[in-house]
Structure formats: C-alpha cells, structure tokens
Amino acid sequence: MIKSRLSAATWGLAAVATGALLAGCSVSASVGKPAPKVSKAKLADTVSERLAATTGQAKPHITCPENLVGKKGNSTRCTLTASDGSTLGVTVTVSSVDGDNIKFDIKADDTPSPAAG
C-alpha cells in the first residue's frame, strides 16, 4: 500500500489555488505611457500580494516571464514556487483597460507540480 504525503508547502500551494479560485481575484495596476502594460516584476509583486491577501498566508514567491500588455483578453502564465521547490501555475488575464489602468484576473491552477529531482 502506498501512502501519499503532502508537504506543508504543497498544502500551502493548494490553499493558494483554492483561495484564488474562490475569490475570483481582480486587480488593477496603473502604468505609465506610451503603451499600457504592467512590467513582469510589478505583475509578480501584485499577484503575490493579492494571493497573500486572499489566502491570509505570507506572500508567495511569484515569477512572471513577460510584461502584461494592456489589451482585453491578453494573458500570461506566472509561477508560484513554494519553499520545497514545488510549483503552481497562475494565469493572469486582462479583464479591462481604461487609459493606462489595466485590470486583470488571477486564476491559480488546481494542482501543484512536485519539486524537480
């Protein structure tokens, strides 16, 4: 019989995913001209802050591979990495743009990926 054990970090990832799904996060960030976009660093920080606020846990480590261009429907995939190395994908999608103000939704994947190797 094989027993499955989830680390505290994996449980934390599951809580983040559940919290993000239940809360239906919507975040706005103001950006400068000429093209409306959110830098990948600001996006990662904003997503981390919103997930922490939604779950009541410490800010998770988030990385985003690219800037988010402010066009409704545009999206990018960020990654939440837990202290044990396990990861959880997070999709960030632009819901609306008003001038330089970009609003976006955050949706965490349902299942984390185990740490490599």
N, C-alpha and C. Protein backbone atom coordinates (compact mmCIF):
# COMPACT_ATOMS: atom_id res chain seq x y z
N MET A 1 0.85 -1.17 0.00
CA MET A 1 0.00 0.00 0.00
C MET A 1 0.89 1.24 0.00
N ILE A 2 0.62 2.16 -0.89
CA ILE A 2 1.41 3.38 -1.00
C ILE A 2 0.66 4.50 -0.31
N LYS A 3 1.38 5.22 0.55
CA LYS A 3 0.77 6.36 1.23
C LYS A 3 1.26 7.63 0.57
N SER A 4 0.35 8.52 0.33
CA SER A 4 0.69 9.81 -0.26
C SER A 4 0.86 10.83 0.86
N ARG A 5 1.97 11.56 0.83
CA ARG A 5 2.21 12.58 1.85
C ARG A 5 2.43 13.91 1.15
N LEU A 6 1.73 14.91 1.60
CA LEU A 6 1.88 16.26 1.06
C LEU A 6 2.64 17.10 2.07
N SER A 7 3.64 17.81 1.59
CA SER A 7 4.40 18.69 2.47
C SER A 7 3.56 19.89 2.85
N ALA A 8 4.01 20.60 3.86
CA ALA A 8 3.31 21.83 4.27
C ALA A 8 3.29 22.83 3.13
N ALA A 9 4.36 22.89 2.38
CA ALA A 9 4.40 23.83 1.25
C ALA A 9 3.38 23.45 0.19
N THR A 10 3.23 22.15 -0.09
CA THR A 10 2.25 21.72 -1.07
C THR A 10 0.85 22.04 -0.58
N TRP A 11 0.60 21.83 0.72
CA TRP A 11 -0.70 22.22 1.28
C TRP A 11 -0.93 23.72 1.10
N GLY A 12 0.15 24.48 1.30
CA GLY A 12 0.06 25.93 1.12
C GLY A 12 -0.30 26.29 -0.31
N LEU A 13 0.33 25.58 -1.26
CA LEU A 13 0.01 25.82 -2.68
C LEU A 13 -1.44 25.49 -2.96
N ALA A 14 -1.92 24.40 -2.39
CA ALA A 14 -3.32 24.02 -2.60
C ALA A 14 -4.24 25.08 -2.01
N ALA A 15 -3.88 25.63 -0.85
CA ALA A 15 -4.69 26.68 -0.23
C ALA A 15 -4.70 27.93 -1.09
N VAL A 16 -3.55 28.26 -1.69
CA VAL A 16 -3.47 29.42 -2.57
C VAL A 16 -4.38 29.20 -3.77
N ALA A 17 -4.30 28.01 -4.36
CA ALA A 17 -5.13 27.71 -5.53
C ALA A 17 -6.60 27.81 -5.19
N THR A 18 -6.99 27.23 -4.08
CA THR A 18 -8.38 27.27 -3.66
C THR A 18 -8.82 28.69 -3.37
N GLY A 19 -8.00 29.42 -2.66
CA GLY A 19 -8.33 30.81 -2.34
C GLY A 19 -8.46 31.67 -3.58
N ALA A 20 -7.54 31.49 -4.52
CA ALA A 20 -7.58 32.29 -5.75
C ALA A 20 -8.81 31.95 -6.57
N LEU A 21 -9.19 30.68 -6.61
CA LEU A 21 -10.36 30.28 -7.38
C LEU A 21 -11.64 30.79 -6.74
N LEU A 22 -11.73 30.70 -5.41
CA LEU A 22 -12.94 31.11 -4.73
C LEU A 22 -13.11 32.62 -4.73
N ALA A 23 -12.00 33.34 -4.66
CA ALA A 23 -12.08 34.79 -4.54
C ALA A 23 -12.33 35.47 -5.87
N GLY A 24 -11.99 34.82 -6.99
CA GLY A 24 -12.15 35.45 -8.29
C GLY A 24 -11.41 36.77 -8.32
N CYS A 25 -10.14 36.73 -8.01
CA CYS A 25 -9.32 37.93 -7.87
C CYS A 25 -9.45 38.85 -9.06
N SER A 26 -9.56 40.10 -8.80
CA SER A 26 -9.49 41.12 -9.83
C SER A 26 -8.59 42.21 -9.27
N VAL A 27 -7.59 42.56 -10.02
CA VAL A 27 -6.58 43.50 -9.55
C VAL A 27 -6.42 44.59 -10.59
N SER A 28 -6.11 45.79 -10.15
CA SER A 28 -5.80 46.84 -11.11
C SER A 28 -4.44 47.42 -10.77
N ALA A 29 -3.76 47.85 -11.80
CA ALA A 29 -2.46 48.47 -11.62
C ALA A 29 -2.33 49.60 -12.63
N SER A 30 -1.91 50.75 -12.17
CA SER A 30 -1.71 51.87 -13.08
C SER A 30 -0.30 51.81 -13.63
N VAL A 31 -0.17 52.06 -14.90
CA VAL A 31 1.13 52.02 -15.55
C VAL A 31 1.33 53.29 -16.36
N GLY A 32 2.58 53.56 -16.72
CA GLY A 32 2.87 54.77 -17.47
C GLY A 32 2.77 54.60 -18.97
N LYS A 33 2.91 55.70 -19.70
CA LYS A 33 2.83 55.71 -21.16
C LYS A 33 4.16 55.29 -21.74
N PRO A 34 4.32 54.95 -22.97
CA PRO A 34 3.36 55.11 -24.06
C PRO A 34 2.42 53.93 -24.23
N ALA A 35 2.85 52.70 -24.01
CA ALA A 35 1.98 51.55 -24.20
C ALA A 35 1.49 51.06 -22.84
N PRO A 36 0.18 50.83 -22.70
CA PRO A 36 -0.28 50.32 -21.42
C PRO A 36 0.20 48.89 -21.21
N LYS A 37 0.99 48.70 -20.17
CA LYS A 37 1.47 47.36 -19.83
C LYS A 37 1.91 47.37 -18.38
N VAL A 38 1.98 46.18 -17.80
CA VAL A 38 2.47 46.00 -16.45
C VAL A 38 3.78 45.22 -16.58
N SER A 39 4.84 45.73 -15.99
CA SER A 39 6.13 45.04 -16.07
C SER A 39 6.03 43.69 -15.38
N LYS A 40 6.87 42.75 -15.80
CA LYS A 40 6.82 41.42 -15.21
C LYS A 40 7.13 41.44 -13.72
N ALA A 41 8.00 42.36 -13.28
CA ALA A 41 8.34 42.47 -11.86
C ALA A 41 7.14 43.00 -11.06
N LYS A 42 6.50 44.05 -11.56
CA LYS A 42 5.32 44.61 -10.88
C LYS A 42 4.17 43.62 -10.89
N LEU A 43 4.02 42.90 -11.99
CA LEU A 43 2.97 41.90 -12.10
C LEU A 43 3.18 40.80 -11.06
N ALA A 44 4.41 40.30 -10.95
CA ALA A 44 4.72 39.24 -9.97
C ALA A 44 4.43 39.73 -8.55
N ASP A 45 4.83 40.96 -8.25
CA ASP A 45 4.61 41.51 -6.91
C ASP A 45 3.12 41.69 -6.62
N THR A 46 2.37 42.19 -7.59
CA THR A 46 0.94 42.41 -7.41
C THR A 46 0.20 41.09 -7.24
N VAL A 47 0.55 40.09 -8.06
CA VAL A 47 -0.08 38.77 -7.94
C VAL A 47 0.23 38.18 -6.57
N SER A 48 1.48 38.29 -6.12
CA SER A 48 1.88 37.77 -4.82
C SER A 48 1.08 38.44 -3.69
N GLU A 49 0.94 39.75 -3.76
CA GLU A 49 0.19 40.49 -2.74
C GLU A 49 -1.28 40.06 -2.71
N ARG A 50 -1.89 39.92 -3.90
CA ARG A 50 -3.31 39.55 -3.96
C ARG A 50 -3.54 38.14 -3.45
N LEU A 51 -2.64 37.21 -3.81
CA LEU A 51 -2.79 35.84 -3.32
C LEU A 51 -2.63 35.78 -1.80
N ALA A 52 -1.69 36.55 -1.27
CA ALA A 52 -1.50 36.59 0.18
C ALA A 52 -2.74 37.16 0.86
N ALA A 53 -3.29 38.21 0.31
CA ALA A 53 -4.49 38.83 0.90
C ALA A 53 -5.69 37.88 0.80
N THR A 54 -5.79 37.14 -0.29
CA THR A 54 -6.91 36.23 -0.49
C THR A 54 -6.85 35.03 0.44
N THR A 55 -5.64 34.51 0.67
CA THR A 55 -5.48 33.28 1.46
C THR A 55 -5.17 33.53 2.92
N GLY A 56 -4.74 34.74 3.26
CA GLY A 56 -4.35 35.03 4.63
C GLY A 56 -2.99 34.44 4.99
N GLN A 57 -2.22 34.05 3.99
CA GLN A 57 -0.90 33.48 4.20
C GLN A 57 0.16 34.51 3.81
N ALA A 58 1.43 34.19 4.08
CA ALA A 58 2.53 35.06 3.69
C ALA A 58 2.58 35.17 2.16
N LYS A 59 3.18 36.27 1.68
CA LYS A 59 3.31 36.46 0.24
C LYS A 59 4.11 35.32 -0.37
N PRO A 60 3.55 34.63 -1.37
CA PRO A 60 4.29 33.56 -2.03
C PRO A 60 5.30 34.13 -3.02
N HIS A 61 6.31 33.31 -3.38
CA HIS A 61 7.29 33.72 -4.38
C HIS A 61 6.68 33.49 -5.76
N ILE A 62 6.51 34.56 -6.51
CA ILE A 62 5.90 34.52 -7.84
C ILE A 62 6.91 35.05 -8.86
N THR A 63 7.01 34.39 -10.01
CA THR A 63 7.79 34.91 -11.14
C THR A 63 6.89 34.93 -12.36
N CYS A 64 7.04 35.97 -13.16
CA CYS A 64 6.29 36.10 -14.40
C CYS A 64 7.30 36.27 -15.53
N PRO A 65 7.12 35.56 -16.64
CA PRO A 65 8.12 35.56 -17.71
C PRO A 65 8.13 36.79 -18.60
N GLU A 66 7.05 37.57 -18.56
CA GLU A 66 6.95 38.69 -19.50
C GLU A 66 6.04 39.78 -18.94
N ASN A 67 6.12 40.95 -19.55
CA ASN A 67 5.22 42.04 -19.22
C ASN A 67 3.81 41.66 -19.67
N LEU A 68 2.82 42.23 -19.01
CA LEU A 68 1.43 42.01 -19.41
C LEU A 68 0.96 43.24 -20.17
N VAL A 69 0.69 43.07 -21.46
CA VAL A 69 0.24 44.17 -22.31
C VAL A 69 -1.25 44.38 -22.09
N GLY A 70 -1.62 45.66 -21.90
CA GLY A 70 -3.00 46.01 -21.58
C GLY A 70 -3.94 45.96 -22.76
N LYS A 71 -4.32 44.76 -23.15
CA LYS A 71 -5.33 44.55 -24.18
C LYS A 71 -6.26 43.47 -23.65
N LYS A 72 -7.55 43.76 -23.59
CA LYS A 72 -8.51 42.82 -23.01
C LYS A 72 -8.32 41.44 -23.62
N GLY A 73 -8.24 40.44 -22.74
CA GLY A 73 -8.07 39.06 -23.18
C GLY A 73 -6.63 38.59 -23.19
N ASN A 74 -5.66 39.52 -23.21
CA ASN A 74 -4.25 39.11 -23.15
C ASN A 74 -3.99 38.40 -21.83
N SER A 75 -3.11 37.41 -21.87
CA SER A 75 -2.78 36.71 -20.64
C SER A 75 -1.33 36.28 -20.63
N THR A 76 -0.86 35.94 -19.44
CA THR A 76 0.47 35.39 -19.25
C THR A 76 0.40 34.37 -18.14
N ARG A 77 1.38 33.47 -18.11
CA ARG A 77 1.44 32.44 -17.08
C ARG A 77 2.58 32.75 -16.13
N CYS A 78 2.25 32.94 -14.88
CA CYS A 78 3.26 33.15 -13.84
C CYS A 78 3.41 31.84 -13.07
N THR A 79 4.46 31.77 -12.25
CA THR A 79 4.72 30.57 -11.47
C THR A 79 4.90 30.91 -10.01
N LEU A 80 4.17 30.20 -9.15
CA LEU A 80 4.33 30.30 -7.71
C LEU A 80 5.25 29.15 -7.31
N THR A 81 6.35 29.47 -6.60
CA THR A 81 7.28 28.44 -6.15
C THR A 81 7.28 28.40 -4.63
N ALA A 82 7.01 27.21 -4.08
CA ALA A 82 6.99 27.00 -2.64
C ALA A 82 8.40 26.75 -2.12
N SER A 83 8.56 26.80 -0.81
CA SER A 83 9.87 26.62 -0.19
C SER A 83 10.45 25.23 -0.45
N ASP A 84 9.61 24.23 -0.73
CA ASP A 84 10.12 22.89 -1.02
C ASP A 84 10.41 22.68 -2.50
N GLY A 85 10.24 23.73 -3.31
CA GLY A 85 10.53 23.66 -4.74
C GLY A 85 9.34 23.28 -5.60
N SER A 86 8.22 22.89 -4.99
CA SER A 86 7.04 22.58 -5.79
C SER A 86 6.49 23.88 -6.37
N THR A 87 5.79 23.78 -7.49
CA THR A 87 5.31 24.96 -8.20
C THR A 87 3.82 24.86 -8.50
N LEU A 88 3.25 26.02 -8.75
CA LEU A 88 1.85 26.11 -9.11
C LEU A 88 1.74 27.18 -10.19
N GLY A 89 1.11 26.86 -11.31
CA GLY A 89 0.90 27.82 -12.37
C GLY A 89 -0.20 28.80 -12.01
N VAL A 90 -0.02 30.04 -12.42
CA VAL A 90 -1.00 31.09 -12.17
C VAL A 90 -1.22 31.84 -13.48
N THR A 91 -2.45 31.87 -13.96
CA THR A 91 -2.78 32.58 -15.19
C THR A 91 -3.30 33.97 -14.83
N VAL A 92 -2.74 34.98 -15.49
CA VAL A 92 -3.15 36.36 -15.29
C VAL A 92 -3.72 36.84 -16.62
N THR A 93 -4.99 37.29 -16.61
CA THR A 93 -5.68 37.68 -17.84
C THR A 93 -6.25 39.09 -17.70
N VAL A 94 -5.99 39.93 -18.70
CA VAL A 94 -6.51 41.30 -18.70
C VAL A 94 -8.02 41.25 -18.86
N SER A 95 -8.73 41.86 -17.90
CA SER A 95 -10.19 41.89 -17.96
C SER A 95 -10.71 43.20 -18.55
N SER A 96 -9.97 44.29 -18.35
CA SER A 96 -10.37 45.57 -18.94
C SER A 96 -9.20 46.55 -18.91
N VAL A 97 -9.29 47.54 -19.79
CA VAL A 97 -8.27 48.59 -19.85
C VAL A 97 -9.00 49.91 -19.96
N ASP A 98 -8.63 50.86 -19.09
CA ASP A 98 -9.21 52.20 -19.13
C ASP A 98 -8.05 53.18 -19.12
N GLY A 99 -7.67 53.65 -20.30
CA GLY A 99 -6.49 54.50 -20.42
C GLY A 99 -5.25 53.70 -20.07
N ASP A 100 -4.54 54.12 -19.02
CA ASP A 100 -3.35 53.39 -18.57
C ASP A 100 -3.65 52.44 -17.42
N ASN A 101 -4.90 52.34 -17.01
CA ASN A 101 -5.29 51.47 -15.90
C ASN A 101 -5.68 50.10 -16.46
N ILE A 102 -4.91 49.08 -16.09
CA ILE A 102 -5.14 47.72 -16.55
C ILE A 102 -5.70 46.91 -15.39
N LYS A 103 -6.84 46.30 -15.60
CA LYS A 103 -7.42 45.40 -14.60
C LYS A 103 -7.22 43.98 -15.10
N PHE A 104 -6.85 43.09 -14.17
CA PHE A 104 -6.64 41.71 -14.59
C PHE A 104 -7.13 40.74 -13.53
N ASP A 105 -7.48 39.55 -14.00
CA ASP A 105 -7.94 38.46 -13.14
C ASP A 105 -6.81 37.48 -12.93
N ILE A 106 -6.83 36.82 -11.77
CA ILE A 106 -5.79 35.85 -11.40
C ILE A 106 -6.48 34.52 -11.15
N LYS A 107 -5.96 33.45 -11.79
CA LYS A 107 -6.51 32.11 -11.56
C LYS A 107 -5.36 31.14 -11.39
N ALA A 108 -5.28 30.55 -10.22
CA ALA A 108 -4.24 29.54 -9.94
C ALA A 108 -4.71 28.19 -10.44
N ASP A 109 -3.75 27.37 -10.88
CA ASP A 109 -4.05 26.00 -11.30
C ASP A 109 -4.62 25.22 -10.12
N ASP A 110 -5.32 24.15 -10.41
CA ASP A 110 -5.90 23.31 -9.37
C ASP A 110 -4.87 22.43 -8.67
N THR A 111 -3.83 22.03 -9.40
CA THR A 111 -2.88 21.05 -8.88
C THR A 111 -1.44 21.55 -8.99
N PRO A 112 -0.67 21.50 -7.90
CA PRO A 112 0.73 21.89 -7.96
C PRO A 112 1.58 20.81 -8.62
N SER A 113 2.75 21.21 -9.13
CA SER A 113 3.72 20.27 -9.66
C SER A 113 4.77 20.02 -8.60
N PRO A 114 5.18 18.76 -8.42
CA PRO A 114 6.19 18.47 -7.39
C PRO A 114 7.54 19.09 -7.74
N ALA A 115 8.38 19.22 -6.74
CA ALA A 115 9.72 19.75 -6.95
C ALA A 115 10.50 18.83 -7.88
N ALA A 116 11.34 19.41 -8.71
CA ALA A 116 12.17 18.62 -9.62
C ALA A 116 13.24 17.87 -8.86
N GLY A 117 13.48 16.64 -9.33
CA GLY A 117 14.57 15.82 -8.88
C GLY A 117 14.71 15.55 -7.47
